[in-house]
């Protein structure tokens, strides 16, 4: 660690975690090896779950007795890329400067993972009456991809718990809802021709532009007809065109253009009607094939989170976060998948701020890590308490 920061406890663990360049879409094997060894040393029972992609794995660890009444702490091990960003420090070396700890993933979300490992070490020295579980996934930043193989494995084993804390950076606020997402690939097929007579071809970029306009009209429709949820900054579902790729040369009528788009859905919406809208638009634009073809493909999707707000993990989270109200977050997490796939109630609560994530000079404050440690220590006390205490 640079600049003489405290090298003990959670900060020392974070220092080690940041040093693993676990960029999403690449191997996380070295980090998983290190964390697995760390957890085994605490006395945890650790299962390594291979991912669907080569070189990626998840971990599920349990400390304490077996049983259905434990609590899961959940974090992802991957981080977003640093390429093209103007960092003033080495992004993969935790650097203490001006009271901040800089490093990729420090807030999102290796800070919480470090707090989890500190809690695991403490749990290994105590007598738990209910189990503490730790779930560590991969490739969350690609659309919650890596956690799916982990959840399949846990589902096959019949693992359950009274609740799950997904420790994304919420500044220790307790979030009970976030939007879901559908990622779409819209491929427009035209017909190539020499640009000297473009009427002999069918311009795929023109088809794509009409699909962009159709998506904009759908956004207007959504704004008008959806029941707004005023808890969110944008209180309705949104449509975003993120990437367009088409054409090979200026003097060739392009025969292919690809649009990458996403729909961010209010909790409770599955988006099927909106995907159907885009399919219908594709048929109208191409005149059912007379003007080429347009395909609309779902490449990824994850559900939103809509906690019931009743007791259990929510009451636990509010008590130990020292909060008396809940909130929502605008970004997606794995929490909706834990609820939909395993039926485990979730909250999202962790140290750091999402406003610092995904950009240069990401950082977390030592005091925020200390708050994360205090929060998890309270949960651990609950797991050690006599029933009814």
Protein backbone atom coordinates (compact mmCIF):
# COMPACT_ATOMS: atom_id res chain seq x y z
CA UNK A 1 0.00 0.00 0.00
CA UNK A 2 1.29 3.43 -0.87
CA UNK A 3 1.69 6.50 1.34
CA UNK A 4 1.91 4.80 4.71
CA UNK A 5 -1.77 4.04 5.30
CA UNK A 6 -2.85 1.78 8.16
CA UNK A 7 -2.04 -1.77 7.03
CA UNK A 8 -4.13 -3.57 9.63
CA UNK A 9 -7.56 -5.13 9.52
CA UNK A 10 -10.03 -4.35 6.78
CA UNK A 11 -7.77 -1.81 5.05
CA UNK A 12 -5.01 -4.41 4.76
CA UNK A 13 -7.49 -6.86 3.24
CA UNK A 14 -8.72 -4.21 0.81
CA UNK A 15 -5.12 -3.49 -0.14
CA UNK A 16 -4.73 -7.13 -1.14
CA UNK A 17 -8.05 -7.29 -2.99
CA UNK A 18 -7.43 -4.15 -5.06
CA UNK A 19 -4.09 -5.60 -6.21
CA UNK A 20 -5.95 -8.32 -8.12
CA UNK A 21 -6.92 -6.77 -11.51
CA UNK A 22 -10.22 -8.64 -11.75
CA UNK A 23 -11.62 -6.69 -14.68
CA UNK A 24 -15.01 -8.01 -15.74
CA UNK A 25 -14.76 -10.51 -18.56
CA UNK A 26 -11.31 -11.71 -17.44
CA UNK A 27 -10.15 -14.37 -15.02
CA UNK A 28 -10.69 -13.83 -11.31
CA UNK A 29 -8.83 -17.03 -10.37
CA UNK A 30 -6.01 -15.39 -8.40
CA UNK A 31 -8.39 -13.42 -6.20
CA UNK A 32 -10.63 -16.45 -5.66
CA UNK A 33 -7.60 -18.57 -4.72
CA UNK A 34 -6.52 -15.99 -2.14
CA UNK A 35 -10.00 -15.48 -0.68
CA UNK A 36 -10.61 -19.24 -0.53
CA UNK A 37 -7.40 -19.75 1.45
CA UNK A 38 -8.31 -16.86 3.75
CA UNK A 39 -11.77 -18.26 4.46
CA UNK A 40 -10.55 -21.81 5.01
CA UNK A 41 -8.13 -20.42 7.61
CA UNK A 42 -11.11 -18.93 9.50
CA UNK A 43 -12.69 -22.38 9.72
CA UNK A 44 -15.28 -21.71 7.03
CA UNK A 45 -16.71 -24.47 4.89
CA UNK A 46 -15.97 -23.21 1.39
CA UNK A 47 -17.41 -24.31 -1.95
CA UNK A 48 -15.88 -23.12 -5.20
CA UNK A 49 -18.45 -22.88 -8.00
CA UNK A 50 -17.12 -22.77 -11.59
CA UNK A 51 -18.59 -20.05 -13.75
CA UNK A 52 -20.01 -20.44 -17.22
CA UNK A 53 -16.92 -18.76 -18.69
CA UNK A 54 -13.39 -20.13 -18.51
CA UNK A 55 -11.20 -18.78 -15.72
CA UNK A 56 -14.05 -17.41 -13.62
CA UNK A 57 -15.37 -18.85 -10.37
CA UNK A 58 -17.58 -17.90 -7.46
CA UNK A 59 -17.31 -18.86 -3.79
CA UNK A 60 -19.91 -19.78 -1.21
CA UNK A 61 -18.73 -20.09 2.37
CA UNK A 62 -20.49 -20.96 5.62
CA UNK A 63 -19.37 -20.38 9.19
CA UNK A 64 -21.35 -21.80 12.10
CA UNK A 65 -24.04 -24.46 12.19
CA UNK A 66 -26.02 -25.67 9.21
CA UNK A 67 -29.58 -24.44 9.00
CA UNK A 68 -32.05 -22.32 7.04
CA UNK A 69 -31.99 -19.34 9.40
CA UNK A 70 -28.65 -17.76 8.53
CA UNK A 71 -27.78 -14.53 6.77
CA UNK A 72 -25.94 -14.21 3.44
CA UNK A 73 -23.44 -11.43 2.79
CA UNK A 74 -22.97 -10.94 -0.95
CA UNK A 75 -20.33 -9.18 -3.05
CA UNK A 76 -18.98 -9.40 -6.58
CA UNK A 77 -15.26 -9.79 -7.18
CA UNK A 78 -15.00 -8.07 -10.56
CA UNK A 79 -14.39 -4.41 -11.39
CA UNK A 80 -14.91 -2.27 -14.48
CA UNK A 81 -12.00 -1.50 -16.85
CA UNK A 82 -9.60 1.39 -16.37
CA UNK A 83 -8.57 1.77 -20.02
CA UNK A 84 -8.90 5.34 -21.29
CA UNK A 85 -9.31 6.80 -17.81
CA UNK A 86 -6.94 9.44 -16.46
CA UNK A 87 -5.93 8.01 -13.08
CA UNK A 88 -3.53 9.96 -10.88
CA UNK A 89 -2.63 6.79 -8.97
CA UNK A 90 -2.04 3.15 -9.90
CA UNK A 91 -5.62 1.83 -10.03
CA UNK A 92 -4.52 -1.62 -8.85
CA UNK A 93 -2.54 -0.43 -5.86
CA UNK A 94 -4.44 0.94 -2.89
CA UNK A 95 -3.13 4.46 -2.34
CA UNK A 96 -3.75 6.58 0.74
CA UNK A 97 -3.86 10.29 -0.02
CA UNK A 98 -5.63 13.23 1.61
CA UNK A 99 -7.60 10.90 3.88
CA UNK A 100 -8.89 8.78 1.01
CA UNK A 101 -8.07 5.25 -0.17
CA UNK A 102 -7.82 5.22 -3.96
CA UNK A 103 -8.07 2.11 -6.11
CA UNK A 104 -10.28 0.43 -8.65
CA UNK A 105 -13.08 -1.36 -6.84
CA UNK A 106 -12.47 0.40 -3.53
CA UNK A 107 -16.10 1.54 -3.44
CA UNK A 108 -17.58 -0.82 -6.05
CA UNK A 109 -17.37 -3.18 -4.27
CA UNK A 110 -14.17 -4.64 -2.86
CA UNK A 111 -14.62 -2.37 0.15
CA UNK A 112 -17.63 -4.40 1.28
CA UNK A 113 -15.87 -7.63 0.34
CA UNK A 114 -13.02 -6.64 2.66
CA UNK A 115 -15.56 -5.99 5.44
CA UNK A 116 -17.07 -9.43 4.75
CA UNK A 117 -13.70 -11.09 5.21
CA UNK A 118 -13.09 -9.21 8.45
CA UNK A 119 -16.49 -10.42 9.67
CA UNK A 120 -15.62 -13.98 8.63
CA UNK A 121 -12.40 -13.88 10.66
CA UNK A 122 -14.35 -12.66 13.69
CA UNK A 123 -17.05 -15.29 13.17
CA UNK A 124 -14.41 -18.02 13.15
CA UNK A 125 -13.41 -17.04 16.71
CA UNK A 126 -16.96 -17.00 18.08
CA UNK A 127 -19.79 -19.45 18.69
CA UNK A 128 -22.51 -18.88 16.15
CA UNK A 129 -25.99 -20.22 16.78
CA UNK A 130 -27.12 -19.40 13.26
CA UNK A 131 -24.97 -19.63 10.11
CA UNK A 132 -23.12 -16.80 8.44
CA UNK A 133 -22.85 -17.28 4.66
CA UNK A 134 -20.61 -15.40 2.25
CA UNK A 135 -21.41 -15.33 -1.48
CA UNK A 136 -18.72 -13.97 -3.82
CA UNK A 137 -19.54 -13.78 -7.53
CA UNK A 138 -17.89 -12.66 -10.76
CA UNK A 139 -18.78 -10.69 -13.91
CA UNK A 140 -21.49 -8.69 -12.17
CA UNK A 141 -20.39 -5.66 -14.17
CA UNK A 142 -21.38 -7.45 -17.39
CA UNK A 143 -25.01 -7.60 -16.33
CA UNK A 144 -25.07 -9.87 -13.27
CA UNK A 145 -23.79 -12.79 -15.35
CA UNK A 146 -21.50 -14.67 -12.97
CA UNK A 147 -23.88 -15.02 -10.04
CA UNK A 148 -26.23 -17.19 -12.09
CA UNK A 149 -24.08 -20.31 -11.93
CA UNK A 150 -23.67 -19.75 -8.19
CA UNK A 151 -27.41 -19.43 -7.67
CA UNK A 152 -28.04 -22.57 -9.73
CA UNK A 153 -25.67 -24.50 -7.48
CA UNK A 154 -27.23 -23.13 -4.31
CA UNK A 155 -30.71 -23.86 -5.62
CA UNK A 156 -29.77 -27.47 -6.39
CA UNK A 157 -28.45 -27.82 -2.84
CA UNK A 158 -31.58 -26.30 -1.34
CA UNK A 159 -29.67 -23.48 0.35
CA UNK A 160 -31.87 -20.89 1.98
CA UNK A 161 -31.52 -18.10 4.53
CA UNK A 162 -33.60 -15.57 6.39
CA UNK A 163 -32.08 -12.78 4.34
CA UNK A 164 -29.26 -11.47 2.21
CA UNK A 165 -27.28 -8.23 2.34
CA UNK A 166 -25.88 -7.22 -1.05
CA UNK A 167 -23.16 -4.75 -0.12
CA UNK A 168 -23.12 -2.42 -3.10
CA UNK A 169 -22.05 1.13 -2.21
CA UNK A 170 -25.09 2.91 -0.77
CA UNK A 171 -23.25 5.11 1.77
CA UNK A 172 -24.73 2.65 4.32
CA UNK A 173 -28.28 3.56 3.39
CA UNK A 174 -30.68 0.61 3.30
CA UNK A 175 -32.12 0.17 -0.20
CA UNK A 176 -35.16 -2.01 -0.77
CA UNK A 177 -35.72 -1.49 -4.49
CA UNK A 178 -33.93 -1.00 -7.79
CA UNK A 179 -34.79 -1.27 -11.46
CA UNK A 180 -34.32 -4.36 -13.61
CA UNK A 181 -32.71 -4.43 -17.02
CA UNK A 182 -33.12 -5.94 -20.48
CA UNK A 183 -30.15 -5.62 -22.83
CA UNK A 184 -31.05 -5.87 -26.53
CA UNK A 185 -29.21 -6.40 -29.80
CA UNK A 186 -31.12 -5.01 -32.77
CA UNK A 187 -29.62 -6.11 -36.09
CA UNK A 188 -30.73 -4.35 -39.26
CA UNK A 189 -30.11 -6.20 -42.55
CA UNK A 190 -30.10 -4.24 -45.79
CA UNK A 191 -28.66 -4.83 -49.25
CA UNK A 192 -25.24 -3.59 -50.38
CA UNK A 193 -24.82 -1.49 -53.52
CA UNK A 194 -22.45 1.07 -55.04
CA UNK A 195 -23.20 4.49 -53.62
CA UNK A 196 -23.25 5.91 -57.16
CA UNK A 197 -26.79 4.54 -57.26
CA UNK A 198 -27.90 3.96 -53.69
CA UNK A 199 -31.43 3.11 -54.83
CA UNK A 200 -30.17 -0.28 -55.97
CA UNK A 201 -29.44 -1.17 -52.36
CA UNK A 202 -31.20 -1.04 -49.02
CA UNK A 203 -29.42 1.09 -46.43
CA UNK A 204 -29.20 -0.77 -43.11
CA UNK A 205 -28.18 2.41 -41.29
CA UNK A 206 -31.41 4.08 -42.44
CA UNK A 207 -33.35 1.11 -41.04
CA UNK A 208 -31.42 1.49 -37.79
CA UNK A 209 -32.23 5.20 -37.61
CA UNK A 210 -35.92 4.38 -37.91
CA UNK A 211 -35.58 1.88 -35.07
CA UNK A 212 -33.94 4.56 -32.94
CA UNK A 213 -36.92 6.84 -33.64
CA UNK A 214 -39.28 3.96 -32.76
CA UNK A 215 -37.46 3.46 -29.45
CA UNK A 216 -37.88 7.16 -28.72
CA UNK A 217 -41.60 6.90 -29.37
CA UNK A 218 -41.77 3.92 -27.06
CA UNK A 219 -40.06 5.98 -24.36
CA UNK A 220 -42.73 8.66 -24.74
CA UNK A 221 -45.41 5.94 -24.47
CA UNK A 222 -43.82 4.53 -21.31
CA UNK A 223 -43.63 7.93 -19.70
CA UNK A 224 -47.34 8.47 -20.34
CA UNK A 225 -48.82 5.07 -19.44
CA UNK A 226 -46.66 3.61 -16.66
CA UNK A 227 -47.64 4.17 -13.06
CA UNK A 228 -44.79 6.36 -11.84
CA UNK A 229 -42.74 5.39 -8.81
CA UNK A 230 -41.66 8.67 -7.22
CA UNK A 231 -38.96 7.01 -5.14
CA UNK A 232 -36.71 6.90 -8.20
CA UNK A 233 -34.95 9.88 -9.75
CA UNK A 234 -36.51 8.82 -13.07
CA UNK A 235 -39.90 7.50 -11.90
CA UNK A 236 -40.63 5.35 -14.96
CA UNK A 237 -38.85 2.74 -17.08
CA UNK A 238 -36.27 4.05 -19.54
CA UNK A 239 -35.00 3.12 -23.00
CA UNK A 240 -31.39 3.84 -23.91
CA UNK A 241 -29.55 3.43 -27.22
CA UNK A 242 -25.94 2.83 -26.22
CA UNK A 243 -24.05 1.66 -29.31
CA UNK A 244 -24.52 1.72 -33.10
CA UNK A 245 -22.19 -0.04 -35.52
CA UNK A 246 -22.77 -0.10 -39.27
CA UNK A 247 -21.19 0.41 -42.67
CA UNK A 248 -17.76 -0.38 -44.10
CA UNK A 249 -16.98 2.45 -46.53
CA UNK A 250 -18.54 5.74 -47.59
CA UNK A 251 -19.09 4.54 -51.16
CA UNK A 252 -20.91 1.34 -50.16
CA UNK A 253 -24.57 1.22 -49.23
CA UNK A 254 -24.35 -0.55 -45.84
CA UNK A 255 -26.00 -3.94 -45.65
CA UNK A 256 -25.77 -4.33 -41.86
CA UNK A 257 -26.12 -2.12 -38.81
CA UNK A 258 -26.27 -3.22 -35.17
CA UNK A 259 -27.86 -1.28 -32.32
CA UNK A 260 -27.20 -2.13 -28.68
CA UNK A 261 -29.98 -0.88 -26.44
CA UNK A 262 -31.24 -1.36 -22.92
CA UNK A 263 -34.51 -1.00 -21.08
CA UNK A 264 -34.30 -0.19 -17.36
CA UNK A 265 -37.54 -1.42 -15.82
CA UNK A 266 -39.36 -0.31 -12.71
CA UNK A 267 -39.63 -3.13 -10.16
CA UNK A 268 -42.55 -5.36 -11.00
CA UNK A 269 -42.32 -4.90 -14.79
CA UNK A 270 -40.96 -7.77 -16.88
CA UNK A 271 -40.66 -5.67 -20.06
CA UNK A 272 -42.32 -8.24 -22.34
CA UNK A 273 -44.72 -5.63 -23.74
CA UNK A 274 -41.84 -3.29 -24.54
CA UNK A 275 -39.84 -5.97 -26.34
CA UNK A 276 -42.99 -6.83 -28.31
CA UNK A 277 -43.30 -3.13 -29.21
CA UNK A 278 -39.83 -3.21 -30.76
CA UNK A 279 -40.62 -6.40 -32.69
CA UNK A 280 -43.75 -4.76 -34.07
CA UNK A 281 -41.77 -1.65 -35.00
CA UNK A 282 -39.24 -3.82 -36.85
CA UNK A 283 -42.00 -5.42 -38.90
CA UNK A 284 -43.55 -2.05 -39.77
CA UNK A 285 -40.22 -0.48 -40.74
CA UNK A 286 -39.25 -3.33 -43.05
CA UNK A 287 -42.79 -3.73 -44.39
CA UNK A 288 -42.59 -7.37 -43.25
CA UNK A 289 -39.37 -7.97 -45.14
CA UNK A 290 -39.90 -5.90 -48.26
CA UNK A 291 -37.24 -3.42 -47.05
CA UNK A 292 -34.76 -5.86 -45.60
CA UNK A 293 -34.93 -7.40 -42.16
CA UNK A 294 -34.60 -6.39 -38.52
CA UNK A 295 -34.09 -8.84 -35.67
CA UNK A 296 -34.53 -7.97 -32.00
CA UNK A 297 -32.63 -10.23 -29.62
CA UNK A 298 -32.46 -10.20 -25.80
CA UNK A 299 -28.80 -10.71 -24.89
CA UNK A 300 -29.14 -10.34 -21.14
CA UNK A 301 -31.70 -9.50 -18.49
CA UNK A 302 -31.97 -9.35 -14.74
CA UNK A 303 -34.94 -8.52 -12.52
CA UNK A 304 -35.44 -5.50 -10.37
CA UNK A 305 -35.63 -5.61 -6.60
CA UNK A 306 -38.90 -4.90 -4.84
CA UNK A 307 -38.55 -5.83 -1.19
CA UNK A 308 -41.79 -6.37 0.70
CA UNK A 309 -40.51 -4.13 3.48
CA UNK A 310 -41.66 -6.54 6.19
CA UNK A 311 -39.45 -7.46 9.17
CA UNK A 312 -36.61 -9.96 8.83
CA UNK A 313 -33.51 -8.79 7.03
CA UNK A 314 -34.93 -5.29 6.57
CA UNK A 315 -35.37 -4.77 10.31
CA UNK A 316 -31.90 -6.20 10.89
CA UNK A 317 -30.36 -3.91 8.27
CA UNK A 318 -32.06 -0.77 9.55
CA UNK A 319 -31.10 -1.50 13.14
CA UNK A 320 -27.42 -2.12 12.45
CA UNK A 321 -27.13 0.66 9.85
CA UNK A 322 -28.69 2.98 12.46
CA UNK A 323 -31.30 4.10 9.96
CA UNK A 324 -35.03 4.62 10.39
CA UNK A 325 -36.02 4.81 6.75
CA UNK A 326 -35.36 2.92 3.54
CA UNK A 327 -34.44 4.12 0.08
CA UNK A 328 -34.04 2.97 -3.50
CA UNK A 329 -31.08 2.92 -5.87
CA UNK A 330 -30.99 3.68 -9.57
CA UNK A 331 -28.39 1.05 -10.50
CA UNK A 332 -28.93 -2.71 -10.75
CA UNK A 333 -27.56 -5.39 -8.42
CA UNK A 334 -27.65 -9.14 -7.90
CA UNK A 335 -30.28 -8.75 -5.18
CA UNK A 336 -33.21 -9.24 -7.54
CA UNK A 337 -31.73 -12.55 -8.67
CA UNK A 338 -31.28 -13.80 -5.10
CA UNK A 339 -34.95 -13.06 -4.50
CA UNK A 340 -36.29 -14.43 -7.80
CA UNK A 341 -34.06 -17.52 -8.01
CA UNK A 342 -33.80 -18.55 -4.36
CA UNK A 343 -36.68 -16.69 -2.73
CA UNK A 344 -34.33 -15.07 -0.21
CA UNK A 345 -35.34 -11.55 0.93
CA UNK A 346 -32.66 -8.96 0.20
CA UNK A 347 -31.56 -5.48 1.05
CA UNK A 348 -28.74 -3.50 -0.55
CA UNK A 349 -26.45 -1.77 1.92
CA UNK A 350 -22.73 -1.13 1.88
CA UNK A 351 -19.92 1.37 2.40
CA UNK A 352 -18.73 3.83 -0.23
CA UNK A 353 -20.60 5.77 -2.88
CA UNK A 354 -21.71 4.76 -6.35
CA UNK A 355 -20.95 8.33 -7.45
CA UNK A 356 -17.24 7.45 -7.30
CA UNK A 357 -17.53 4.17 -9.18
CA UNK A 358 -16.69 3.43 -12.82
CA UNK A 359 -14.40 6.43 -13.22
CA UNK A 360 -10.82 7.49 -12.58
CA UNK A 361 -9.57 7.89 -9.01
CA UNK A 362 -12.28 5.79 -7.43
CA UNK A 363 -11.90 5.88 -3.65
CA UNK A 364 -13.36 4.94 -0.29
CA UNK A 365 -12.87 6.55 3.11
CA UNK A 366 -11.38 4.67 6.08
CA UNK A 367 -14.35 5.84 8.16
CA UNK A 368 -16.72 4.24 5.63
CA UNK A 369 -14.92 0.92 5.95
CA UNK A 370 -15.16 1.24 9.72
CA UNK A 371 -18.92 1.78 9.38
CA UNK A 372 -19.14 -1.34 7.22
CA UNK A 373 -17.24 -3.30 9.86
CA UNK A 374 -19.51 -2.02 12.63
CA UNK A 375 -22.63 -2.90 10.59
CA UNK A 376 -21.47 -6.48 9.99
CA UNK A 377 -20.32 -6.86 13.60
CA UNK A 378 -23.90 -6.14 14.63
CA UNK A 379 -25.23 -8.81 12.29
CA UNK A 380 -22.66 -11.23 13.66
CA UNK A 381 -23.83 -10.46 17.21
CA UNK A 382 -27.37 -11.42 16.12
CA UNK A 383 -26.13 -14.73 14.74
CA UNK A 384 -24.37 -15.48 18.04
CA UNK A 385 -27.33 -14.55 20.23
CA UNK A 386 -29.57 -17.08 21.97
CA UNK A 387 -32.90 -17.59 20.18
CA UNK A 388 -35.37 -15.01 21.40
CA UNK A 389 -32.67 -12.89 22.99
